[in-house]
Each structure stands twice: as structure tokens, then as C-alpha cells.
């Protein structure tokens, strides 16, 4: 068994794993490259100079740039906190509206 690293032309590690010795080259898809070894895709990258490939640690800025950002919910998606009294008042108003529509 061999440990492998699949990466792209920018050196970003796309996936890692293990495979049979004979299937190492099959791990890379179009536009991807594979090398033997192990790495952490969050904190490391592949450095490519000529034909030489090395695993380097990312800078703090690179790690932050690669980390997905959580977005703030839009106003329509925000939770609204109301009291039980306000909730009951809303239910009463809805009931009154339904009764008016039904001619009661």
C-alpha cells in the first residue's frame, strides 16, 4: 500500500489517501497530479519547482484564505424572538381575520 497526495497546478492539496502500489497514478483525474506521501490539506501545500515536489506548511494567511467563511443570515432568515403573549396575540388576530373572511 502507498500513501498518496492529489494536488492541482497551484499546489492545492485536493485529497489524500492510500492505494495499492499499482494504482497510484490512477488517483489523479484530468488537471490533477499525484505524488507518494502524506500531508494535511488544511495546513500544507505542494511546492513545485521544476520536477521537484515538496510538502510545505501554509502561512497563516493562506490557511485563512482557504477557510470557508460563514455568512450572516439575511433579515428574512433571522430568527425572531417573541413572548408567549405576543404569540397568542398573533394567533388571535389570525383567527379573527379567518372569521371575517368566512363571514362569521
C-alpha atoms as a PDB file:
ATOM      1  CA  UNK A   1       0.000   0.000   0.000  1.00  0.00           C
ATOM      2  CA  UNK A   2       1.114   3.557  -0.752  1.00  0.00           C
ATOM      3  CA  UNK A   3       0.019   6.837   0.783  1.00  0.00           C
ATOM      4  CA  UNK A   4      -0.761   9.456  -1.847  1.00  0.00           C
ATOM      5  CA  UNK A   5      -1.446  13.151  -2.262  1.00  0.00           C
ATOM      6  CA  UNK A   6      -3.507  14.507  -5.154  1.00  0.00           C
ATOM      7  CA  UNK A   7      -2.949  18.206  -5.911  1.00  0.00           C
ATOM      8  CA  UNK A   8      -3.619  20.767  -8.633  1.00  0.00           C
ATOM      9  CA  UNK A   9      -1.297  23.012 -10.665  1.00  0.00           C
ATOM     10  CA  UNK A  10      -1.373  25.680  -7.921  1.00  0.00           C
ATOM     11  CA  UNK A  11      -0.162  23.182  -5.307  1.00  0.00           C
ATOM     12  CA  UNK A  12      -3.508  22.958  -3.501  1.00  0.00           C
ATOM     13  CA  UNK A  13      -3.959  19.521  -1.946  1.00  0.00           C
ATOM     14  CA  UNK A  14      -7.266  18.134  -3.193  1.00  0.00           C
ATOM     15  CA  UNK A  15      -7.313  14.772  -1.413  1.00  0.00           C
ATOM     16  CA  UNK A  16      -5.106  12.222   0.290  1.00  0.00           C
ATOM     17  CA  UNK A  17      -5.381   8.512   0.983  1.00  0.00           C
ATOM     18  CA  UNK A  18      -3.864   5.104   0.470  1.00  0.00           C
ATOM     19  CA  UNK A  19      -3.991   2.793  -2.519  1.00  0.00           C
ATOM     20  CA  UNK A  20      -2.422  -0.302  -3.984  1.00  0.00           C
ATOM     21  CA  UNK A  21       1.063   0.284  -5.383  1.00  0.00           C
ATOM     22  CA  UNK A  22      -0.179  -0.439  -8.901  1.00  0.00           C
ATOM     23  CA  UNK A  23      -2.974   2.162  -8.766  1.00  0.00           C
ATOM     24  CA  UNK A  24      -1.030   5.221  -7.584  1.00  0.00           C
ATOM     25  CA  UNK A  25      -1.153   7.003 -10.947  1.00  0.00           C
ATOM     26  CA  UNK A  26      -4.886   6.286 -11.287  1.00  0.00           C
ATOM     27  CA  UNK A  27      -5.703   8.515  -8.294  1.00  0.00           C
ATOM     28  CA  UNK A  28      -5.302  11.755 -10.291  1.00  0.00           C
ATOM     29  CA  UNK A  29      -8.028  12.934 -12.656  1.00  0.00           C
ATOM     30  CA  UNK A  30      -7.767  15.470 -15.512  1.00  0.00           C
ATOM     31  CA  UNK A  31      -5.807  18.550 -14.428  1.00  0.00           C
ATOM     32  CA  UNK A  32      -4.587  16.845 -11.253  1.00  0.00           C
ATOM     33  CA  UNK A  33      -1.246  15.428 -10.186  1.00  0.00           C
ATOM     34  CA  UNK A  34      -0.376  12.663  -7.742  1.00  0.00           C
ATOM     35  CA  UNK A  35       2.652  12.005  -5.594  1.00  0.00           C
ATOM     36  CA  UNK A  36       3.510   9.470  -2.963  1.00  0.00           C
ATOM     37  CA  UNK A  37       3.387  10.744   0.610  1.00  0.00           C
ATOM     38  CA  UNK A  38       1.040  12.094   3.251  1.00  0.00           C
ATOM     39  CA  UNK A  39       0.013  15.645   4.087  1.00  0.00           C
ATOM     40  CA  UNK A  40      -2.640  17.745   5.810  1.00  0.00           C
ATOM     41  CA  UNK A  41      -4.721  19.565   3.188  1.00  0.00           C
ATOM     42  CA  UNK A  42      -5.698  22.303   5.685  1.00  0.00           C
ATOM     43  CA  UNK A  43      -2.208  23.307   6.815  1.00  0.00           C
ATOM     44  CA  UNK A  44       0.033  22.174   3.950  1.00  0.00           C
ATOM     45  CA  UNK A  45       0.511  22.591   0.209  1.00  0.00           C
ATOM     46  CA  UNK A  46       2.680  21.127  -2.534  1.00  0.00           C
ATOM     47  CA  UNK A  47       5.581  23.276  -3.692  1.00  0.00           C
ATOM     48  CA  UNK A  48       6.519  22.732  -7.301  1.00  0.00           C
ATOM     49  CA  UNK A  49       9.868  23.889  -8.643  1.00  0.00           C
ATOM     50  CA  UNK A  50      10.902  22.198 -11.859  1.00  0.00           C
ATOM     51  CA  UNK A  51      10.298  18.471 -11.447  1.00  0.00           C
ATOM     52  CA  UNK A  52      10.865  18.644  -7.694  1.00  0.00           C
ATOM     53  CA  UNK A  53       7.799  18.400  -5.442  1.00  0.00           C
ATOM     54  CA  UNK A  54       7.878  19.152  -1.714  1.00  0.00           C
ATOM     55  CA  UNK A  55       5.280  19.492   1.023  1.00  0.00           C
ATOM     56  CA  UNK A  56       5.377  22.927   2.673  1.00  0.00           C
ATOM     57  CA  UNK A  57       3.404  24.428   5.529  1.00  0.00           C
ATOM     58  CA  UNK A  58       0.929  27.123   4.507  1.00  0.00           C
ATOM     59  CA  UNK A  59       1.227  30.566   6.027  1.00  0.00           C
ATOM     60  CA  UNK A  60      -1.483  31.732   8.423  1.00  0.00           C
ATOM     61  CA  UNK A  61      -2.794  33.997   5.647  1.00  0.00           C
ATOM     62  CA  UNK A  62      -3.044  31.081   3.202  1.00  0.00           C
ATOM     63  CA  UNK A  63      -4.911  28.966   5.745  1.00  0.00           C
ATOM     64  CA  UNK A  64      -7.336  31.827   6.447  1.00  0.00           C
ATOM     65  CA  UNK A  65      -7.885  32.449   2.722  1.00  0.00           C
ATOM     66  CA  UNK A  66      -8.690  28.755   2.154  1.00  0.00           C
ATOM     67  CA  UNK A  67     -11.112  28.552   5.088  1.00  0.00           C
ATOM     68  CA  UNK A  68     -14.773  28.941   4.049  1.00  0.00           C
ATOM     69  CA  UNK A  69     -16.430  31.952   5.641  1.00  0.00           C
ATOM     70  CA  UNK A  70     -19.806  31.670   7.346  1.00  0.00           C
ATOM     71  CA  UNK A  71     -22.118  34.356   6.071  1.00  0.00           C
ATOM     72  CA  UNK A  72     -24.558  36.306   8.192  1.00  0.00           C
ATOM     73  CA  UNK A  73     -28.173  35.269   7.640  1.00  0.00           C
ATOM     74  CA  UNK A  74     -30.281  37.693   5.646  1.00  0.00           C
ATOM     75  CA  UNK A  75     -33.005  39.520   7.552  1.00  0.00           C
ATOM     76  CA  UNK A  76     -35.694  37.237   6.131  1.00  0.00           C
ATOM     77  CA  UNK A  77     -33.820  34.214   7.525  1.00  0.00           C
ATOM     78  CA  UNK A  78     -33.212  35.606  11.012  1.00  0.00           C
ATOM     79  CA  UNK A  79     -34.984  34.059  13.956  1.00  0.00           C
ATOM     80  CA  UNK A  80     -37.445  36.310  15.749  1.00  0.00           C
ATOM     81  CA  UNK A  81     -37.810  36.006  19.485  1.00  0.00           C
ATOM     82  CA  UNK A  82     -41.298  36.846  20.751  1.00  0.00           C
ATOM     83  CA  UNK A  83     -43.028  36.302  24.053  1.00  0.00           C
ATOM     84  CA  UNK A  84     -45.866  33.827  24.607  1.00  0.00           C
ATOM     85  CA  UNK A  85     -48.236  36.788  24.962  1.00  0.00           C
ATOM     86  CA  UNK A  86     -47.146  38.179  21.566  1.00  0.00           C
ATOM     87  CA  UNK A  87     -47.520  34.726  20.024  1.00  0.00           C
ATOM     88  CA  UNK A  88     -51.037  34.322  21.407  1.00  0.00           C
ATOM     89  CA  UNK A  89     -51.939  37.821  20.199  1.00  0.00           C
ATOM     90  CA  UNK A  90     -50.825  36.898  16.667  1.00  0.00           C
ATOM     91  CA  UNK A  91     -52.853  33.677  16.764  1.00  0.00           C
ATOM     92  CA  UNK A  92     -55.937  35.610  17.917  1.00  0.00           C
ATOM     93  CA  UNK A  93     -55.513  38.133  15.101  1.00  0.00           C
ATOM     94  CA  UNK A  94     -55.165  35.341  12.524  1.00  0.00           C
ATOM     95  CA  UNK A  95     -58.308  33.670  13.859  1.00  0.00           C
ATOM     96  CA  UNK A  96     -60.193  36.990  13.680  1.00  0.00           C
ATOM     97  CA  UNK A  97     -59.058  37.530  10.066  1.00  0.00           C
ATOM     98  CA  UNK A  98     -60.132  33.983   9.094  1.00  0.00           C
ATOM     99  CA  UNK A  99     -63.518  34.513  10.735  1.00  0.00           C
ATOM    100  CA  UNK A 100     -64.007  37.793   8.830  1.00  0.00           C
ATOM    101  CA  UNK A 101     -63.168  36.092   5.533  1.00  0.00           C
ATOM    102  CA  UNK A 102     -65.595  33.257   6.231  1.00  0.00           C
ATOM    103  CA  UNK A 103     -68.392  35.694   7.150  1.00  0.00           C
ATOM    104  CA  UNK A 104     -68.642  34.660  10.772  1.00  0.00           C
END
